[in-house]
Amino acid sequence: MGRFCAKCGRAFTEEVVFVGNLCIQCYLEENRILNVPSKVEISLCKSCFSYKVKGKWIKPLTYDSPENIVKEALEKIVEDKIKIIEEYRGLKEIQIAYNMEVPSEIHSTQFPITIIGKVKAGKEVYEQRYPVLVKVSYTLCPNCLMRVSKTYKAIVQVRSARNSVDRVDRRKIDRILREMDPHNIIDVEEVREGLNIKVSDATTARILASKIRNEMGAMVSESFKHVRRNREGKRTSKLVVVVRLPKFRENDLVMFRNDIFRIVKISGFRVTLRNERTNTKTTVSAEALWNGRISSIPETAVHKKYLVIGRDDRVVYVVDASENYEVKEIPLGYVSENVKPGDELKVAIINGKPYVLGKA
């Protein structure tokens, strides 16, 4: 005796998929293929338009309209909420997929959508439709709430060995801040000692400090303050990252190895210097900005302009128009090889010793 569907009497063939004693069509009339909630809620930040999925706030891919942000959030939330009923997963003859019908225009914080489950069983395709009510609630994400209330979880304190963070430093730091996620920057406060940059989390604080260190040769240290226990008894605290800018920065003239160099580049943990006399470059560790290997040109240095009037195989002869054109001698090793009569040189006199800074 042949096999028949217990509900409709349909005969069993190789082209008809059966589940138990029911053909697939009758089975789907009696059973759902998807677990679909009747209601879905979307939490949307009314300030930055990020939305919440699995307890995590996510920035939207586009900010062109709140309507498209709601649709984007809906796709991720629905994907998390909808599950294929387990008993179908082991049936090789059945393929299940689903899609979502959303109104082309959304004008309310509540609106209906339809989840369409599609079943391919052999050569036949069936659908199940599930109505879902979507509710959109506008609130503030944790970062925006911190920004409004001026609360924070970590702070980056930018200080300078020059005793102040000037406009040159501030321009660089502002550019670095623009590279950061603006939602994680709670507040930038100017104080007498420098800048206090309040951020949403410790990771952001450490990334920001690392960027400043890599571009400006800063020293970084960490500590914690306001250590206390919350209602659950857990220890809570704020991370304090101190970023101390060096006395020197790019384009400064400095003393190094008893000669005058210009700082060409500070990058990562390296500093590139150029000898002002020979125009040769050398690279040293950024620690040299702090351990005294790189030092300031003494305040007692006297800056002059000398006119080259001749040279031999030992010295270059120069005159200083401000000193009655007295002829002076500069050892040949102190000037570049291409110096010739008629050239004007910039010279720093330090402890009676001339340091040629190049041509004027």
Protein backbone atom coordinates (compact mmCIF):
# COMPACT_ATOMS: atom_id res chain seq x y z
CA MET A 1 0.00 0.00 0.00
CA GLY A 2 1.33 3.44 -0.96
CA ARG A 3 1.98 6.31 1.43
CA PHE A 4 -0.52 9.21 1.65
CA CYS A 5 -0.74 12.55 3.46
CA ALA A 6 -2.89 12.04 6.58
CA LYS A 7 -4.57 15.41 6.07
CA CYS A 8 -5.10 15.94 2.34
CA GLY A 9 -4.57 12.42 0.97
CA ARG A 10 -1.79 13.46 -1.35
CA ALA A 11 0.20 10.48 -2.55
CA PHE A 12 3.86 10.17 -1.72
CA THR A 13 6.24 10.56 -4.66
CA GLU A 14 9.92 11.39 -4.98
CA GLU A 15 8.95 14.99 -5.84
CA VAL A 16 6.81 15.47 -2.74
CA VAL A 17 8.56 16.07 0.60
CA PHE A 18 6.90 14.52 3.63
CA VAL A 19 7.43 15.46 7.27
CA GLY A 20 6.16 12.59 9.36
CA ASN A 21 2.75 11.57 7.96
CA LEU A 22 2.03 14.98 6.39
CA CYS A 23 3.06 16.39 3.04
CA ILE A 24 5.12 19.55 3.31
CA GLN A 25 2.18 21.80 2.33
CA CYS A 26 -0.11 20.43 5.06
CA TYR A 27 2.72 20.39 7.56
CA LEU A 28 3.43 24.10 6.99
CA GLU A 29 -0.27 24.86 7.43
CA GLU A 30 -0.03 23.39 10.92
CA ASN A 31 3.50 24.42 11.98
CA ARG A 32 5.67 27.53 11.97
CA ILE A 33 9.12 27.43 10.42
CA LEU A 34 10.43 30.49 12.28
CA ASN A 35 10.38 31.79 15.80
CA VAL A 36 9.44 35.44 15.23
CA PRO A 37 8.60 37.92 18.00
CA SER A 38 5.30 39.77 17.67
CA LYS A 39 7.00 42.99 18.73
CA VAL A 40 10.46 44.47 18.15
CA GLU A 41 11.84 47.51 19.94
CA ILE A 42 14.56 49.78 18.55
CA SER A 43 16.52 52.01 20.94
CA LEU A 44 17.86 54.98 18.96
CA CYS A 45 20.10 57.71 20.38
CA LYS A 46 18.46 61.04 19.72
CA SER A 47 21.82 62.81 19.69
CA CYS A 48 24.22 60.67 17.61
CA PHE A 49 21.65 58.23 16.06
CA SER A 50 23.53 55.13 17.16
CA TYR A 51 21.31 52.14 17.93
CA LYS A 52 21.41 49.26 20.36
CA VAL A 53 21.92 45.63 19.32
CA LYS A 54 22.64 42.86 21.85
CA GLY A 55 23.35 45.47 24.50
CA LYS A 56 25.92 47.27 22.36
CA TRP A 57 25.49 50.70 20.78
CA ILE A 58 26.40 50.75 17.09
CA LYS A 59 27.08 53.76 14.89
CA PRO A 60 24.98 53.83 11.70
CA LEU A 61 26.60 53.33 8.32
CA THR A 62 24.86 56.42 6.95
CA TYR A 63 23.42 59.58 8.43
CA ASP A 64 21.33 60.61 5.42
CA SER A 65 17.98 60.28 7.24
CA PRO A 66 16.57 58.94 10.53
CA GLU A 67 14.25 56.74 8.47
CA ASN A 68 17.17 54.90 6.83
CA ILE A 69 18.92 54.58 10.19
CA VAL A 70 15.80 52.91 11.62
CA LYS A 71 15.74 50.49 8.67
CA GLU A 72 19.43 49.70 9.13
CA ALA A 73 18.92 49.06 12.84
CA LEU A 74 15.86 46.95 12.12
CA GLU A 75 17.81 44.59 9.84
CA LYS A 76 20.42 43.89 12.54
CA ILE A 77 17.88 43.54 15.37
CA VAL A 78 15.56 41.28 13.37
CA GLU A 79 18.51 39.11 12.33
CA ASP A 80 19.27 38.60 16.01
CA LYS A 81 15.64 37.91 17.02
CA ILE A 82 14.52 35.47 14.30
CA LYS A 83 15.46 31.81 14.65
CA ILE A 84 14.71 28.81 12.43
CA ILE A 85 12.84 26.20 14.43
CA GLU A 86 15.29 23.52 15.40
CA GLU A 87 13.42 20.49 14.01
CA TYR A 88 13.85 21.80 10.44
CA ARG A 89 17.63 22.04 10.62
CA GLY A 90 18.18 18.31 10.11
CA LEU A 91 15.93 17.99 7.05
CA LYS A 92 18.16 17.94 3.99
CA GLU A 93 15.20 18.13 1.59
CA ILE A 94 14.13 21.52 2.98
CA GLN A 95 15.83 24.90 2.55
CA ILE A 96 14.60 27.82 4.66
CA ALA A 97 15.24 31.54 4.22
CA TYR A 98 13.44 34.72 5.16
CA ASN A 99 13.23 38.36 4.24
CA MET A 100 11.53 41.43 5.60
CA GLU A 101 8.89 43.77 4.17
CA VAL A 102 9.24 47.28 5.55
CA PRO A 103 7.06 50.30 4.66
CA SER A 104 8.78 52.50 2.09
CA GLU A 105 8.13 55.51 4.33
CA ILE A 106 8.14 55.59 8.11
CA HIS A 107 6.29 58.45 9.77
CA SER A 108 5.71 57.11 13.26
CA THR A 109 7.55 55.59 16.21
CA GLN A 110 5.33 52.52 15.75
CA PHE A 111 4.81 50.75 12.45
CA PRO A 112 4.14 47.20 11.16
CA ILE A 113 6.54 45.04 9.18
CA THR A 114 6.17 41.53 7.78
CA ILE A 115 8.68 38.71 8.04
CA ILE A 116 8.32 36.33 5.09
CA GLY A 117 9.63 32.83 5.66
CA LYS A 118 10.35 30.88 2.47
CA VAL A 119 10.58 27.11 2.32
CA LYS A 120 11.98 25.31 -0.68
CA ALA A 121 10.99 21.61 -0.51
CA GLY A 122 12.13 19.74 -3.58
CA LYS A 123 10.78 21.72 -6.53
CA GLU A 124 8.05 23.44 -4.52
CA VAL A 125 8.29 26.78 -2.70
CA TYR A 126 6.03 27.87 0.16
CA GLU A 127 5.71 31.03 2.24
CA GLN A 128 4.76 31.90 5.78
CA ARG A 129 4.06 35.51 6.74
CA TYR A 130 4.56 36.85 10.25
CA PRO A 131 3.30 40.32 11.23
CA VAL A 132 5.57 42.23 13.62
CA LEU A 133 4.99 45.56 15.34
CA VAL A 134 8.08 47.78 15.52
CA LYS A 135 8.41 50.39 18.25
CA VAL A 136 11.15 53.04 18.11
CA SER A 137 12.19 54.68 21.37
CA TYR A 138 14.51 57.68 21.42
CA THR A 139 16.98 57.96 24.29
CA LEU A 140 20.63 58.88 24.87
CA CYS A 141 23.41 56.36 24.37
CA PRO A 142 25.95 56.13 27.25
CA ASN A 143 28.51 58.32 25.45
CA CYS A 144 26.04 61.10 24.69
CA LEU A 145 24.66 60.88 28.20
CA MET A 146 28.18 61.33 29.57
CA ARG A 147 28.72 64.27 27.21
CA VAL A 148 25.54 65.98 28.40
CA SER A 149 26.25 65.34 32.07
CA LYS A 150 30.00 66.04 31.69
CA THR A 151 30.83 62.68 33.27
CA TYR A 152 33.64 60.50 31.93
CA LYS A 153 35.50 57.24 32.56
CA ALA A 154 39.03 58.31 31.63
CA ILE A 155 40.95 61.54 31.18
CA VAL A 156 44.03 62.43 29.14
CA GLN A 157 45.96 65.27 30.71
CA VAL A 158 48.26 66.96 28.18
CA ARG A 159 51.11 68.89 29.79
CA SER A 160 54.28 70.41 28.36
CA ALA A 161 57.90 70.68 29.50
CA ARG A 162 57.68 74.24 28.17
CA ASN A 163 55.17 74.94 30.98
CA SER A 164 52.29 75.60 28.60
CA VAL A 165 50.50 74.00 25.66
CA ASP A 166 50.69 76.73 23.02
CA ARG A 167 48.80 77.21 19.77
CA VAL A 168 51.30 75.16 17.77
CA ASP A 169 50.82 72.19 20.10
CA ARG A 170 47.06 72.72 20.19
CA ARG A 171 46.77 72.62 16.38
CA LYS A 172 48.51 69.24 16.30
CA ILE A 173 46.40 67.85 19.13
CA ASP A 174 43.19 69.14 17.51
CA ARG A 175 44.15 67.32 14.30
CA ILE A 176 44.78 64.11 16.26
CA LEU A 177 41.40 64.52 17.97
CA ARG A 178 39.70 64.80 14.57
CA GLU A 179 41.14 61.35 13.74
CA MET A 180 39.40 59.89 16.82
CA ASP A 181 35.78 58.78 17.05
CA PRO A 182 34.03 62.02 18.10
CA HIS A 183 31.40 60.07 20.05
CA ASN A 184 34.11 58.94 22.48
CA ILE A 185 35.42 62.46 23.20
CA ILE A 186 33.31 63.83 26.04
CA ASP A 187 34.97 67.21 26.61
CA VAL A 188 38.19 69.13 25.90
CA GLU A 189 38.99 71.54 28.71
CA GLU A 190 41.72 74.18 28.63
CA VAL A 191 43.40 74.59 32.00
CA ARG A 192 46.39 76.62 33.10
CA GLU A 193 48.64 73.55 32.98
CA GLY A 194 47.52 72.42 29.51
CA LEU A 195 44.56 70.35 28.28
CA ASN A 196 42.23 67.91 30.02
CA ILE A 197 40.59 65.63 27.46
CA LYS A 198 37.74 63.62 28.99
CA VAL A 199 36.80 60.44 27.15
CA SER A 200 34.24 57.67 27.38
CA ASP A 201 36.53 54.72 28.11
CA ALA A 202 40.06 53.64 28.94
CA THR A 203 40.74 52.24 25.45
CA THR A 204 40.03 55.62 23.83
CA ALA A 205 42.30 57.34 26.37
CA ARG A 206 45.20 54.99 25.63
CA ILE A 207 44.79 55.26 21.86
CA LEU A 208 44.72 59.06 22.04
CA ALA A 209 47.79 59.17 24.29
CA SER A 210 49.64 56.81 21.94
CA LYS A 211 48.88 58.99 18.92
CA ILE A 212 50.17 62.12 20.69
CA ARG A 213 53.30 60.29 21.85
CA ASN A 214 54.04 58.98 18.35
CA GLU A 215 53.66 62.38 16.68
CA MET A 216 55.15 64.66 19.34
CA GLY A 217 57.67 62.52 21.25
CA ALA A 218 55.66 62.73 24.47
CA MET A 219 56.15 60.75 27.67
CA VAL A 220 53.07 58.82 28.86
CA SER A 221 52.17 57.62 32.35
CA GLU A 222 49.00 56.13 33.84
CA SER A 223 47.29 56.13 37.22
CA PHE A 224 43.82 55.72 38.69
CA LYS A 225 41.78 58.09 40.83
CA HIS A 226 38.42 58.16 42.60
CA VAL A 227 38.63 54.46 43.40
CA ARG A 228 35.37 53.43 45.09
CA ARG A 229 32.76 50.69 45.12
CA ASN A 230 29.44 50.81 43.26
CA ARG A 231 26.10 49.47 44.49
CA GLU A 232 27.08 45.93 43.51
CA GLY A 233 30.28 46.19 45.55
CA LYS A 234 32.60 46.30 42.54
CA ARG A 235 35.59 48.65 42.53
CA THR A 236 35.25 51.53 40.08
CA SER A 237 37.78 54.20 39.17
CA LYS A 238 38.78 56.69 36.50
CA LEU A 239 41.90 56.16 34.41
CA VAL A 240 44.22 59.19 34.33
CA VAL A 241 46.72 59.27 31.45
CA VAL A 242 49.32 62.04 31.67
CA VAL A 243 50.88 62.97 28.32
CA ARG A 244 53.89 65.23 28.79
CA LEU A 245 55.12 67.04 25.67
CA PRO A 246 58.89 67.53 25.33
CA LYS A 247 60.64 70.87 25.41
CA PHE A 248 61.56 70.42 21.75
CA ARG A 249 59.46 69.94 18.63
CA GLU A 250 59.90 69.72 14.87
CA ASN A 251 61.92 72.54 13.23
CA ASP A 252 63.63 73.54 16.50
CA LEU A 253 67.38 74.17 16.52
CA VAL A 254 69.09 72.10 19.22
CA MET A 255 72.49 71.00 20.46
CA PHE A 256 73.44 67.38 19.80
CA ARG A 257 76.89 65.80 19.97
CA ASN A 258 78.42 69.24 20.51
CA ASP A 259 77.01 70.55 17.24
CA ILE A 260 73.86 72.35 16.12
CA PHE A 261 71.08 70.30 14.53
CA ARG A 262 67.52 70.95 13.43
CA ILE A 263 64.74 68.54 14.40
CA VAL A 264 63.33 67.41 11.07
CA LYS A 265 60.84 64.75 12.16
CA ILE A 266 59.42 63.18 15.30
CA SER A 267 57.75 59.88 14.43
CA GLY A 268 56.93 56.99 16.70
CA PHE A 269 59.91 56.40 18.96
CA ARG A 270 62.46 58.05 16.64
CA VAL A 271 63.71 61.60 16.05
CA THR A 272 65.38 62.66 12.81
CA LEU A 273 67.97 65.45 13.10
CA ARG A 274 69.74 67.40 10.36
CA ASN A 275 73.17 68.92 10.94
CA GLU A 276 72.91 72.59 10.03
CA ARG A 277 76.54 72.72 9.00
CA THR A 278 76.90 69.56 6.91
CA ASN A 279 73.22 69.04 6.01
CA THR A 280 73.56 65.35 6.94
CA LYS A 281 70.77 63.58 8.79
CA THR A 282 70.89 61.26 11.76
CA THR A 283 68.17 59.35 13.63
CA VAL A 284 68.08 58.81 17.38
CA SER A 285 65.66 57.42 19.93
CA ALA A 286 62.91 59.78 21.10
CA GLU A 287 64.32 59.27 24.59
CA ALA A 288 67.04 61.74 23.57
CA LEU A 289 64.40 64.47 23.85
CA TRP A 290 64.22 63.71 27.56
CA ASN A 291 67.57 62.35 28.75
CA GLY A 292 69.73 65.38 27.88
CA ARG A 293 71.36 64.05 24.72
CA ILE A 294 69.38 66.70 22.84
CA SER A 295 69.64 70.06 24.58
CA SER A 296 68.77 73.71 24.03
CA ILE A 297 71.04 76.20 22.37
CA PRO A 298 72.33 78.30 25.32
CA GLU A 299 70.61 81.62 25.88
CA THR A 300 74.07 83.19 25.91
CA ALA A 301 74.57 82.26 22.23
CA VAL A 302 75.22 85.28 20.00
CA HIS A 303 73.83 85.10 16.48
CA LYS A 304 75.84 86.73 13.71
CA LYS A 305 75.98 87.03 9.95
CA TYR A 306 79.45 86.69 8.45
CA LEU A 307 80.55 87.44 4.89
CA VAL A 308 82.99 84.91 3.38
CA ILE A 309 85.98 86.67 1.80
CA GLY A 310 88.27 83.71 1.16
CA ARG A 311 89.37 80.21 2.15
CA ASP A 312 92.40 77.96 2.08
CA ASP A 313 93.02 74.33 2.96
CA ARG A 314 92.76 75.10 6.68
CA VAL A 315 90.24 77.89 7.40
CA VAL A 316 87.50 80.06 5.92
CA TYR A 317 88.05 83.81 6.23
CA VAL A 318 85.02 85.91 7.12
CA VAL A 319 84.22 89.45 8.19
CA ASP A 320 81.50 90.77 10.48
CA ALA A 321 80.14 94.07 9.20
CA SER A 322 78.89 94.92 12.70
CA GLU A 323 82.43 94.74 14.12
CA ASN A 324 84.37 97.09 11.85
CA TYR A 325 84.90 94.37 9.25
CA GLU A 326 87.41 92.54 11.43
CA VAL A 327 88.65 89.42 9.67
CA LYS A 328 87.91 86.20 11.54
CA GLU A 329 88.88 82.61 10.87
CA ILE A 330 86.53 79.63 11.01
CA PRO A 331 88.08 76.14 10.84
CA LEU A 332 87.27 74.49 7.53
CA GLY A 333 85.65 71.53 9.25
CA TYR A 334 82.97 73.85 10.70
CA VAL A 335 81.53 74.88 7.33
CA SER A 336 80.14 73.00 4.36
CA GLU A 337 82.42 72.21 1.45
CA ASN A 338 80.48 74.37 -1.03
CA VAL A 339 81.03 77.65 0.84
CA LYS A 340 82.78 80.18 -1.38
CA PRO A 341 83.78 83.85 -1.24
CA GLY A 342 80.78 86.16 -1.39
CA ASP A 343 78.51 83.80 0.59
CA GLU A 344 76.86 85.11 3.74
CA LEU A 345 76.71 82.70 6.68
CA LYS A 346 74.47 82.48 9.72
CA VAL A 347 76.66 81.80 12.74
CA ALA A 348 75.93 81.19 16.43
CA ILE A 349 78.76 82.00 18.84
CA ILE A 350 78.51 79.66 21.84
CA ASN A 351 81.16 79.96 24.57
CA GLY A 352 83.40 81.69 22.04
CA LYS A 353 83.08 78.88 19.52
CA PRO A 354 81.44 79.57 16.12
CA TYR A 355 78.69 77.22 14.92
CA VAL A 356 77.75 77.75 11.31
CA LEU A 357 74.01 77.37 10.80
CA GLY A 358 74.17 77.51 7.04
CA LYS A 359 73.94 80.22 4.44
CA ALA A 360 71.95 83.36 5.27
